[in-house]
Amino acid sequence: QENRRLMIEGLPKAGFDRIAPPDG
């Protein structure tokens, strides 16, 4: 859960901004 939050926040900041939050 925490890793998901970090990825959703961190990937766009790292330049990978075309993502959708995973359900599972």
mmCIF file of all heavy atoms, coordinates in Angstrom:
data_MODEL
# 
_entry.id   MODEL 
# 
loop_
_atom_site.group_PDB 
_atom_site.id 
_atom_site.type_symbol 
_atom_site.label_atom_id 
_atom_site.label_alt_id 
_atom_site.label_comp_id 
_atom_site.label_asym_id 
_atom_site.label_entity_id 
_atom_site.label_seq_id 
_atom_site.pdbx_PDB_ins_code 
_atom_site.Cartn_x 
_atom_site.Cartn_y 
_atom_site.Cartn_z 
_atom_site.occupancy 
_atom_site.B_iso_or_equiv 
_atom_site.pdbx_formal_charge 
_atom_site.auth_seq_id 
_atom_site.auth_comp_id 
_atom_site.auth_asym_id 
_atom_site.auth_atom_id 
_atom_site.pdbx_PDB_model_num 
ATOM 1   N N   . GLN A 1 1  ? 0.832  -1.209 0.000   1.00 0.00 ? 1  GLN A N   1 
ATOM 2   C CA  . GLN A 1 1  ? 0.000  0.000  0.000   1.00 0.00 ? 1  GLN A CA  1 
ATOM 3   C C   . GLN A 1 1  ? 0.866  1.258  0.000   1.00 0.00 ? 1  GLN A C   1 
ATOM 4   O O   . GLN A 1 1  ? 0.633  2.192  -0.766  1.00 0.00 ? 1  GLN A O   1 
ATOM 5   C CB  . GLN A 1 1  ? -0.909 -0.023 1.229   1.00 0.00 ? 1  GLN A CB  1 
ATOM 6   C CG  . GLN A 1 1  ? -1.961 1.059  1.289   1.00 0.00 ? 1  GLN A CG  1 
ATOM 7   C CD  . GLN A 1 1  ? -3.208 0.701  0.523   1.00 0.00 ? 1  GLN A CD  1 
ATOM 8   O OE1 . GLN A 1 1  ? -3.423 1.228  -0.565  1.00 0.00 ? 1  GLN A OE1 1 
ATOM 9   N NE2 . GLN A 1 1  ? -4.041 -0.170 1.062   1.00 0.00 ? 1  GLN A NE2 1 
ATOM 10  N N   . GLU A 1 2  ? 1.879  1.272  0.864   1.00 0.00 ? 2  GLU A N   1 
ATOM 11  C CA  . GLU A 1 2  ? 2.781  2.416  0.920   1.00 0.00 ? 2  GLU A CA  1 
ATOM 12  C C   . GLU A 1 2  ? 3.600  2.521  -0.364  1.00 0.00 ? 2  GLU A C   1 
ATOM 13  O O   . GLU A 1 2  ? 3.790  3.629  -0.905  1.00 0.00 ? 2  GLU A O   1 
ATOM 14  C CB  . GLU A 1 2  ? 3.699  2.302  2.133   1.00 0.00 ? 2  GLU A CB  1 
ATOM 15  C CG  . GLU A 1 2  ? 4.798  3.360  2.223   1.00 0.00 ? 2  GLU A CG  1 
ATOM 16  C CD  . GLU A 1 2  ? 4.277  4.784  2.361   1.00 0.00 ? 2  GLU A CD  1 
ATOM 17  O OE1 . GLU A 1 2  ? 3.049  4.991  2.522   1.00 0.00 ? 2  GLU A OE1 1 
ATOM 18  O OE2 . GLU A 1 2  ? 5.111  5.711  2.316   1.00 0.00 ? 2  GLU A OE2 1 
ATOM 19  N N   . ASN A 1 3  ? 4.081  1.400  -0.868  1.00 0.00 ? 3  ASN A N   1 
ATOM 20  C CA  . ASN A 1 3  ? 4.856  1.433  -2.111  1.00 0.00 ? 3  ASN A CA  1 
ATOM 21  C C   . ASN A 1 3  ? 4.029  1.945  -3.275  1.00 0.00 ? 3  ASN A C   1 
ATOM 22  O O   . ASN A 1 3  ? 4.521  2.702  -4.122  1.00 0.00 ? 3  ASN A O   1 
ATOM 23  C CB  . ASN A 1 3  ? 5.392  0.038  -2.430  1.00 0.00 ? 3  ASN A CB  1 
ATOM 24  C CG  . ASN A 1 3  ? 6.475  -0.413 -1.472  1.00 0.00 ? 3  ASN A CG  1 
ATOM 25  O OD1 . ASN A 1 3  ? 6.921  0.340  -0.611  1.00 0.00 ? 3  ASN A OD1 1 
ATOM 26  N ND2 . ASN A 1 3  ? 6.910  -1.653 -1.620  1.00 0.00 ? 3  ASN A ND2 1 
ATOM 27  N N   . ARG A 1 4  ? 2.775  1.527  -3.328  1.00 0.00 ? 4  ARG A N   1 
ATOM 28  C CA  . ARG A 1 4  ? 1.870  2.024  -4.372  1.00 0.00 ? 4  ARG A CA  1 
ATOM 29  C C   . ARG A 1 4  ? 1.747  3.541  -4.288  1.00 0.00 ? 4  ARG A C   1 
ATOM 30  O O   . ARG A 1 4  ? 1.817  4.239  -5.315  1.00 0.00 ? 4  ARG A O   1 
ATOM 31  C CB  . ARG A 1 4  ? 0.501  1.355  -4.235  1.00 0.00 ? 4  ARG A CB  1 
ATOM 32  C CG  . ARG A 1 4  ? -0.582 1.881  -5.174  1.00 0.00 ? 4  ARG A CG  1 
ATOM 33  C CD  . ARG A 1 4  ? -1.894 1.141  -4.906  1.00 0.00 ? 4  ARG A CD  1 
ATOM 34  N NE  . ARG A 1 4  ? -2.968 1.525  -5.785  1.00 0.00 ? 4  ARG A NE  1 
ATOM 35  C CZ  . ARG A 1 4  ? -3.938 2.391  -5.463  1.00 0.00 ? 4  ARG A CZ  1 
ATOM 36  N NH1 . ARG A 1 4  ? -3.925 2.985  -4.261  1.00 0.00 ? 4  ARG A NH1 1 
ATOM 37  N NH2 . ARG A 1 4  ? -4.903 2.677  -6.322  1.00 0.00 ? 4  ARG A NH2 1 
ATOM 38  N N   . ARG A 1 5  ? 1.554  4.066  -3.094  1.00 0.00 ? 5  ARG A N   1 
ATOM 39  C CA  . ARG A 1 5  ? 1.437  5.512  -2.925  1.00 0.00 ? 5  ARG A CA  1 
ATOM 40  C C   . ARG A 1 5  ? 2.701  6.221  -3.422  1.00 0.00 ? 5  ARG A C   1 
ATOM 41  O O   . ARG A 1 5  ? 2.628  7.226  -4.142  1.00 0.00 ? 5  ARG A O   1 
ATOM 42  C CB  . ARG A 1 5  ? 1.201  5.837  -1.450  1.00 0.00 ? 5  ARG A CB  1 
ATOM 43  C CG  . ARG A 1 5  ? 0.973  7.325  -1.175  1.00 0.00 ? 5  ARG A CG  1 
ATOM 44  C CD  . ARG A 1 5  ? 0.960  7.620  0.317   1.00 0.00 ? 5  ARG A CD  1 
ATOM 45  N NE  . ARG A 1 5  ? 2.265  7.449  0.936   1.00 0.00 ? 5  ARG A NE  1 
ATOM 46  C CZ  . ARG A 1 5  ? 3.259  8.355  0.854   1.00 0.00 ? 5  ARG A CZ  1 
ATOM 47  N NH1 . ARG A 1 5  ? 3.077  9.485  0.175   1.00 0.00 ? 5  ARG A NH1 1 
ATOM 48  N NH2 . ARG A 1 5  ? 4.416  8.128  1.443   1.00 0.00 ? 5  ARG A NH2 1 
ATOM 49  N N   . LEU A 1 6  ? 3.860  5.683  -3.051  1.00 0.00 ? 6  LEU A N   1 
ATOM 50  C CA  . LEU A 1 6  ? 5.118  6.290  -3.474  1.00 0.00 ? 6  LEU A CA  1 
ATOM 51  C C   . LEU A 1 6  ? 5.264  6.261  -4.996  1.00 0.00 ? 6  LEU A C   1 
ATOM 52  O O   . LEU A 1 6  ? 5.740  7.246  -5.593  1.00 0.00 ? 6  LEU A O   1 
ATOM 53  C CB  . LEU A 1 6  ? 6.290  5.561  -2.821  1.00 0.00 ? 6  LEU A CB  1 
ATOM 54  C CG  . LEU A 1 6  ? 6.439  5.744  -1.308  1.00 0.00 ? 6  LEU A CG  1 
ATOM 55  C CD1 . LEU A 1 6  ? 7.480  4.771  -0.763  1.00 0.00 ? 6  LEU A CD1 1 
ATOM 56  C CD2 . LEU A 1 6  ? 6.810  7.178  -0.963  1.00 0.00 ? 6  LEU A CD2 1 
ATOM 57  N N   . MET A 1 7  ? 4.878  5.143  -5.615  1.00 0.00 ? 7  MET A N   1 
ATOM 58  C CA  . MET A 1 7  ? 5.009  5.040  -7.077  1.00 0.00 ? 7  MET A CA  1 
ATOM 59  C C   . MET A 1 7  ? 4.070  6.002  -7.789  1.00 0.00 ? 7  MET A C   1 
ATOM 60  O O   . MET A 1 7  ? 4.457  6.659  -8.771  1.00 0.00 ? 7  MET A O   1 
ATOM 61  C CB  . MET A 1 7  ? 4.724  3.601  -7.509  1.00 0.00 ? 7  MET A CB  1 
ATOM 62  C CG  . MET A 1 7  ? 5.729  2.581  -7.025  1.00 0.00 ? 7  MET A CG  1 
ATOM 63  S SD  . MET A 1 7  ? 7.353  2.718  -7.806  1.00 0.00 ? 7  MET A SD  1 
ATOM 64  C CE  . MET A 1 7  ? 7.067  1.778  -9.307  1.00 0.00 ? 7  MET A CE  1 
ATOM 65  N N   . ILE A 1 8  ? 2.836  6.090  -7.324  1.00 0.00 ? 8  ILE A N   1 
ATOM 66  C CA  . ILE A 1 8  ? 1.871  6.976  -7.974  1.00 0.00 ? 8  ILE A CA  1 
ATOM 67  C C   . ILE A 1 8  ? 2.321  8.431  -7.878  1.00 0.00 ? 8  ILE A C   1 
ATOM 68  O O   . ILE A 1 8  ? 2.144  9.224  -8.809  1.00 0.00 ? 8  ILE A O   1 
ATOM 69  C CB  . ILE A 1 8  ? 0.465  6.775  -7.359  1.00 0.00 ? 8  ILE A CB  1 
ATOM 70  C CG1 . ILE A 1 8  ? -0.070 5.385  -7.726  1.00 0.00 ? 8  ILE A CG1 1 
ATOM 71  C CG2 . ILE A 1 8  ? -0.503 7.847  -7.832  1.00 0.00 ? 8  ILE A CG2 1 
ATOM 72  C CD1 . ILE A 1 8  ? -1.337 5.000  -6.981  1.00 0.00 ? 8  ILE A CD1 1 
ATOM 73  N N   . GLU A 1 9  ? 2.939  8.771  -6.747  1.00 0.00 ? 9  GLU A N   1 
ATOM 74  C CA  . GLU A 1 9  ? 3.449  10.129 -6.586  1.00 0.00 ? 9  GLU A CA  1 
ATOM 75  C C   . GLU A 1 9  ? 4.800  10.318 -7.274  1.00 0.00 ? 9  GLU A C   1 
ATOM 76  O O   . GLU A 1 9  ? 5.061  11.364 -7.886  1.00 0.00 ? 9  GLU A O   1 
ATOM 77  C CB  . GLU A 1 9  ? 3.597  10.456 -5.096  1.00 0.00 ? 9  GLU A CB  1 
ATOM 78  C CG  . GLU A 1 9  ? 2.290  10.579 -4.339  1.00 0.00 ? 9  GLU A CG  1 
ATOM 79  C CD  . GLU A 1 9  ? 2.522  10.890 -2.859  1.00 0.00 ? 9  GLU A CD  1 
ATOM 80  O OE1 . GLU A 1 9  ? 3.702  11.059 -2.458  1.00 0.00 ? 9  GLU A OE1 1 
ATOM 81  O OE2 . GLU A 1 9  ? 1.528  10.965 -2.120  1.00 0.00 ? 9  GLU A OE2 1 
ATOM 82  N N   . GLY A 1 10 ? 5.664  9.314  -7.161  1.00 0.00 ? 10 GLY A N   1 
ATOM 83  C CA  . GLY A 1 10 ? 7.048  9.481  -7.574  1.00 0.00 ? 10 GLY A CA  1 
ATOM 84  C C   . GLY A 1 10 ? 7.320  9.274  -9.046  1.00 0.00 ? 10 GLY A C   1 
ATOM 85  O O   . GLY A 1 10 ? 8.200  9.945  -9.614  1.00 0.00 ? 10 GLY A O   1 
ATOM 86  N N   . LEU A 1 11 ? 6.611  8.370  -9.686  1.00 0.00 ? 11 LEU A N   1 
ATOM 87  C CA  . LEU A 1 11 ? 6.888  8.130  -11.104 1.00 0.00 ? 11 LEU A CA  1 
ATOM 88  C C   . LEU A 1 11 ? 6.636  9.368  -11.960 1.00 0.00 ? 11 LEU A C   1 
ATOM 89  O O   . LEU A 1 11 ? 7.473  9.695  -12.817 1.00 0.00 ? 11 LEU A O   1 
ATOM 90  C CB  . LEU A 1 11 ? 6.079  6.931  -11.610 1.00 0.00 ? 11 LEU A CB  1 
ATOM 91  C CG  . LEU A 1 11 ? 6.638  5.548  -11.264 1.00 0.00 ? 11 LEU A CG  1 
ATOM 92  C CD1 . LEU A 1 11 ? 5.679  4.450  -11.711 1.00 0.00 ? 11 LEU A CD1 1 
ATOM 93  C CD2 . LEU A 1 11 ? 8.014  5.317  -11.886 1.00 0.00 ? 11 LEU A CD2 1 
ATOM 94  N N   . PRO A 1 12 ? 5.509  10.089 -11.788 1.00 0.00 ? 12 PRO A N   1 
ATOM 95  C CA  . PRO A 1 12 ? 5.339  11.312 -12.587 1.00 0.00 ? 12 PRO A CA  1 
ATOM 96  C C   . PRO A 1 12 ? 6.446  12.342 -12.340 1.00 0.00 ? 12 PRO A C   1 
ATOM 97  O O   . PRO A 1 12 ? 6.907  13.004 -13.279 1.00 0.00 ? 12 PRO A O   1 
ATOM 98  C CB  . PRO A 1 12 ? 3.967  11.834 -12.124 1.00 0.00 ? 12 PRO A CB  1 
ATOM 99  C CG  . PRO A 1 12 ? 3.234  10.618 -11.682 1.00 0.00 ? 12 PRO A CG  1 
ATOM 100 C CD  . PRO A 1 12 ? 4.286  9.771  -11.021 1.00 0.00 ? 12 PRO A CD  1 
ATOM 101 N N   . LYS A 1 13 ? 6.895  12.468 -11.098 1.00 0.00 ? 13 LYS A N   1 
ATOM 102 C CA  . LYS A 1 13 ? 7.980  13.395 -10.801 1.00 0.00 ? 13 LYS A CA  1 
ATOM 103 C C   . LYS A 1 13 ? 9.273  12.959 -11.473 1.00 0.00 ? 13 LYS A C   1 
ATOM 104 O O   . LYS A 1 13 ? 10.138 13.800 -11.776 1.00 0.00 ? 13 LYS A O   1 
ATOM 105 C CB  . LYS A 1 13 ? 8.184  13.494 -9.284  1.00 0.00 ? 13 LYS A CB  1 
ATOM 106 C CG  . LYS A 1 13 ? 7.025  14.149 -8.547  1.00 0.00 ? 13 LYS A CG  1 
ATOM 107 C CD  . LYS A 1 13 ? 7.266  14.158 -7.052  1.00 0.00 ? 13 LYS A CD  1 
ATOM 108 C CE  . LYS A 1 13 ? 6.090  14.750 -6.294  1.00 0.00 ? 13 LYS A CE  1 
ATOM 109 N NZ  . LYS A 1 13 ? 6.286  14.695 -4.815  1.00 0.00 ? 13 LYS A NZ  1 
ATOM 110 N N   . ALA A 1 14 ? 9.420  11.653 -11.698 1.00 0.00 ? 14 ALA A N   1 
ATOM 111 C CA  . ALA A 1 14 ? 10.610 11.127 -12.372 1.00 0.00 ? 14 ALA A CA  1 
ATOM 112 C C   . ALA A 1 14 ? 10.477 11.146 -13.885 1.00 0.00 ? 14 ALA A C   1 
ATOM 113 O O   . ALA A 1 14 ? 11.373 10.664 -14.585 1.00 0.00 ? 14 ALA A O   1 
ATOM 114 C CB  . ALA A 1 14 ? 10.890 9.709  -11.887 1.00 0.00 ? 14 ALA A CB  1 
ATOM 115 N N   . GLY A 1 15 ? 9.346  11.651 -14.388 1.00 0.00 ? 15 GLY A N   1 
ATOM 116 C CA  . GLY A 1 15 ? 9.170  11.767 -15.831 1.00 0.00 ? 15 GLY A CA  1 
ATOM 117 C C   . GLY A 1 15 ? 8.304  10.709 -16.457 1.00 0.00 ? 15 GLY A C   1 
ATOM 118 O O   . GLY A 1 15 ? 8.057  10.734 -17.663 1.00 0.00 ? 15 GLY A O   1 
ATOM 119 N N   . PHE A 1 16 ? 7.800  9.777  -15.653 1.00 0.00 ? 16 PHE A N   1 
ATOM 120 C CA  . PHE A 1 16 ? 6.899  8.734  -16.153 1.00 0.00 ? 16 PHE A CA  1 
ATOM 121 C C   . PHE A 1 16 ? 5.477  9.119  -15.731 1.00 0.00 ? 16 PHE A C   1 
ATOM 122 O O   . PHE A 1 16 ? 4.945  8.630  -14.741 1.00 0.00 ? 16 PHE A O   1 
ATOM 123 C CB  . PHE A 1 16 ? 7.300  7.366  -15.594 1.00 0.00 ? 16 PHE A CB  1 
ATOM 124 C CG  . PHE A 1 16 ? 8.698  6.955  -15.963 1.00 0.00 ? 16 PHE A CG  1 
ATOM 125 C CD1 . PHE A 1 16 ? 9.758  7.179  -15.097 1.00 0.00 ? 16 PHE A CD1 1 
ATOM 126 C CD2 . PHE A 1 16 ? 8.968  6.356  -17.195 1.00 0.00 ? 16 PHE A CD2 1 
ATOM 127 C CE1 . PHE A 1 16 ? 11.048 6.811  -15.439 1.00 0.00 ? 16 PHE A CE1 1 
ATOM 128 C CE2 . PHE A 1 16 ? 10.256 5.979  -17.544 1.00 0.00 ? 16 PHE A CE2 1 
ATOM 129 C CZ  . PHE A 1 16 ? 11.302 6.218  -16.662 1.00 0.00 ? 16 PHE A CZ  1 
ATOM 130 N N   . ASP A 1 17 ? 4.887  10.036 -16.481 1.00 0.00 ? 17 ASP A N   1 
ATOM 131 C CA  . ASP A 1 17 ? 3.633  10.654 -16.060 1.00 0.00 ? 17 ASP A CA  1 
ATOM 132 C C   . ASP A 1 17 ? 2.403  10.090 -16.764 1.00 0.00 ? 17 ASP A C   1 
ATOM 133 O O   . ASP A 1 17 ? 1.286  10.529 -16.492 1.00 0.00 ? 17 ASP A O   1 
ATOM 134 C CB  . ASP A 1 17 ? 3.683  12.169 -16.248 1.00 0.00 ? 17 ASP A CB  1 
ATOM 135 C CG  . ASP A 1 17 ? 4.047  12.582 -17.666 1.00 0.00 ? 17 ASP A CG  1 
ATOM 136 O OD1 . ASP A 1 17 ? 4.257  11.689 -18.524 1.00 0.00 ? 17 ASP A OD1 1 
ATOM 137 O OD2 . ASP A 1 17 ? 4.139  13.801 -17.917 1.00 0.00 ? 17 ASP A OD2 1 
ATOM 138 N N   . ARG A 1 18 ? 2.602  9.134  -17.632 1.00 0.00 ? 18 ARG A N   1 
ATOM 139 C CA  . ARG A 1 18 ? 1.459  8.527  -18.322 1.00 0.00 ? 18 ARG A CA  1 
ATOM 140 C C   . ARG A 1 18 ? 1.161  7.166  -17.681 1.00 0.00 ? 18 ARG A C   1 
ATOM 141 O O   . ARG A 1 18 ? 1.480  6.110  -18.230 1.00 0.00 ? 18 ARG A O   1 
ATOM 142 C CB  . ARG A 1 18 ? 1.732  8.389  -19.817 1.00 0.00 ? 18 ARG A CB  1 
ATOM 143 C CG  . ARG A 1 18 ? 2.008  9.722  -20.504 1.00 0.00 ? 18 ARG A CG  1 
ATOM 144 C CD  . ARG A 1 18 ? 2.154  9.569  -22.011 1.00 0.00 ? 18 ARG A CD  1 
ATOM 145 N NE  . ARG A 1 18 ? 2.489  10.848 -22.637 1.00 0.00 ? 18 ARG A NE  1 
ATOM 146 C CZ  . ARG A 1 18 ? 2.582  11.034 -23.961 1.00 0.00 ? 18 ARG A CZ  1 
ATOM 147 N NH1 . ARG A 1 18 ? 2.382  9.999  -24.793 1.00 0.00 ? 18 ARG A NH1 1 
ATOM 148 N NH2 . ARG A 1 18 ? 2.892  12.223 -24.451 1.00 0.00 ? 18 ARG A NH2 1 
ATOM 149 N N   . ILE A 1 19 ? 0.573  7.216  -16.501 1.00 0.00 ? 19 ILE A N   1 
ATOM 150 C CA  . ILE A 1 19 ? 0.282  6.007  -15.730 1.00 0.00 ? 19 ILE A CA  1 
ATOM 151 C C   . ILE A 1 19 ? -1.145 6.086  -15.212 1.00 0.00 ? 19 ILE A C   1 
ATOM 152 O O   . ILE A 1 19 ? -1.746 7.155  -15.163 1.00 0.00 ? 19 ILE A O   1 
ATOM 153 C CB  . ILE A 1 19 ? 1.250  5.827  -14.542 1.00 0.00 ? 19 ILE A CB  1 
ATOM 154 C CG1 . ILE A 1 19 ? 1.116  6.991  -13.548 1.00 0.00 ? 19 ILE A CG1 1 
ATOM 155 C CG2 . ILE A 1 19 ? 2.693  5.695  -15.029 1.00 0.00 ? 19 ILE A CG2 1 
ATOM 156 C CD1 . ILE A 1 19 ? 1.891  6.821  -12.267 1.00 0.00 ? 19 ILE A CD1 1 
ATOM 157 N N   . ALA A 1 20 ? -1.683 4.925  -14.842 1.00 0.00 ? 20 ALA A N   1 
ATOM 158 C CA  . ALA A 1 20 ? -2.985 4.860  -14.182 1.00 0.00 ? 20 ALA A CA  1 
ATOM 159 C C   . ALA A 1 20 ? -2.798 4.114  -12.865 1.00 0.00 ? 20 ALA A C   1 
ATOM 160 O O   . ALA A 1 20 ? -2.091 3.103  -12.819 1.00 0.00 ? 20 ALA A O   1 
ATOM 161 C CB  . ALA A 1 20 ? -4.001 4.122  -15.057 1.00 0.00 ? 20 ALA A CB  1 
ATOM 162 N N   . PRO A 1 21 ? -3.403 4.593  -11.777 1.00 0.00 ? 21 PRO A N   1 
ATOM 163 C CA  . PRO A 1 21 ? -3.244 3.896  -10.503 1.00 0.00 ? 21 PRO A CA  1 
ATOM 164 C C   . PRO A 1 21 ? -3.741 2.459  -10.599 1.00 0.00 ? 21 PRO A C   1 
ATOM 165 O O   . PRO A 1 21 ? -4.843 2.206  -11.095 1.00 0.00 ? 21 PRO A O   1 
ATOM 166 C CB  . PRO A 1 21 ? -4.115 4.716  -9.539  1.00 0.00 ? 21 PRO A CB  1 
ATOM 167 C CG  . PRO A 1 21 ? -4.224 6.060  -10.167 1.00 0.00 ? 21 PRO A CG  1 
ATOM 168 C CD  . PRO A 1 21 ? -4.217 5.812  -11.645 1.00 0.00 ? 21 PRO A CD  1 
ATOM 169 N N   . PRO A 1 22 ? -2.954 1.488  -10.143 1.00 0.00 ? 22 PRO A N   1 
ATOM 170 C CA  . PRO A 1 22 ? -3.385 0.090  -10.187 1.00 0.00 ? 22 PRO A CA  1 
ATOM 171 C C   . PRO A 1 22 ? -4.431 -0.201 -9.110  1.00 0.00 ? 22 PRO A C   1 
ATOM 172 O O   . PRO A 1 22 ? -4.339 0.305  -7.992  1.00 0.00 ? 22 PRO A O   1 
ATOM 173 C CB  . PRO A 1 22 ? -2.098 -0.692 -9.944  1.00 0.00 ? 22 PRO A CB  1 
ATOM 174 C CG  . PRO A 1 22 ? -1.228 0.246  -9.163  1.00 0.00 ? 22 PRO A CG  1 
ATOM 175 C CD  . PRO A 1 22 ? -1.577 1.621  -9.628  1.00 0.00 ? 22 PRO A CD  1 
ATOM 176 N N   . ASP A 1 23 ? -5.415 -1.036 -9.456  1.00 0.00 ? 23 ASP A N   1 
ATOM 177 C CA  . ASP A 1 23 ? -6.433 -1.463 -8.491  1.00 0.00 ? 23 ASP A CA  1 
ATOM 178 C C   . ASP A 1 23 ? -5.905 -2.551 -7.565  1.00 0.00 ? 23 ASP A C   1 
ATOM 179 O O   . ASP A 1 23 ? -6.379 -2.699 -6.433  1.00 0.00 ? 23 ASP A O   1 
ATOM 180 C CB  . ASP A 1 23 ? -7.663 -2.027 -9.218  1.00 0.00 ? 23 ASP A CB  1 
ATOM 181 C CG  . ASP A 1 23 ? -8.290 -1.024 -10.164 1.00 0.00 ? 23 ASP A CG  1 
ATOM 182 O OD1 . ASP A 1 23 ? -8.451 0.141  -9.757  1.00 0.00 ? 23 ASP A OD1 1 
ATOM 183 O OD2 . ASP A 1 23 ? -8.635 -1.405 -11.306 1.00 0.00 ? 23 ASP A OD2 1 
ATOM 184 N N   . GLY A 1 24 ? -4.983 -3.355 -8.078  1.00 0.00 ? 24 GLY A N   1 
ATOM 185 C CA  . GLY A 1 24 ? -4.460 -4.483 -7.320  1.00 0.00 ? 24 GLY A CA  1 
ATOM 186 C C   . GLY A 1 24 ? -3.095 -4.869 -7.857  1.00 0.00 ? 24 GLY A C   1 
ATOM 187 O O   . GLY A 1 24 ? -2.502 -4.168 -8.679  1.00 0.00 ? 24 GLY A O   1 
# 
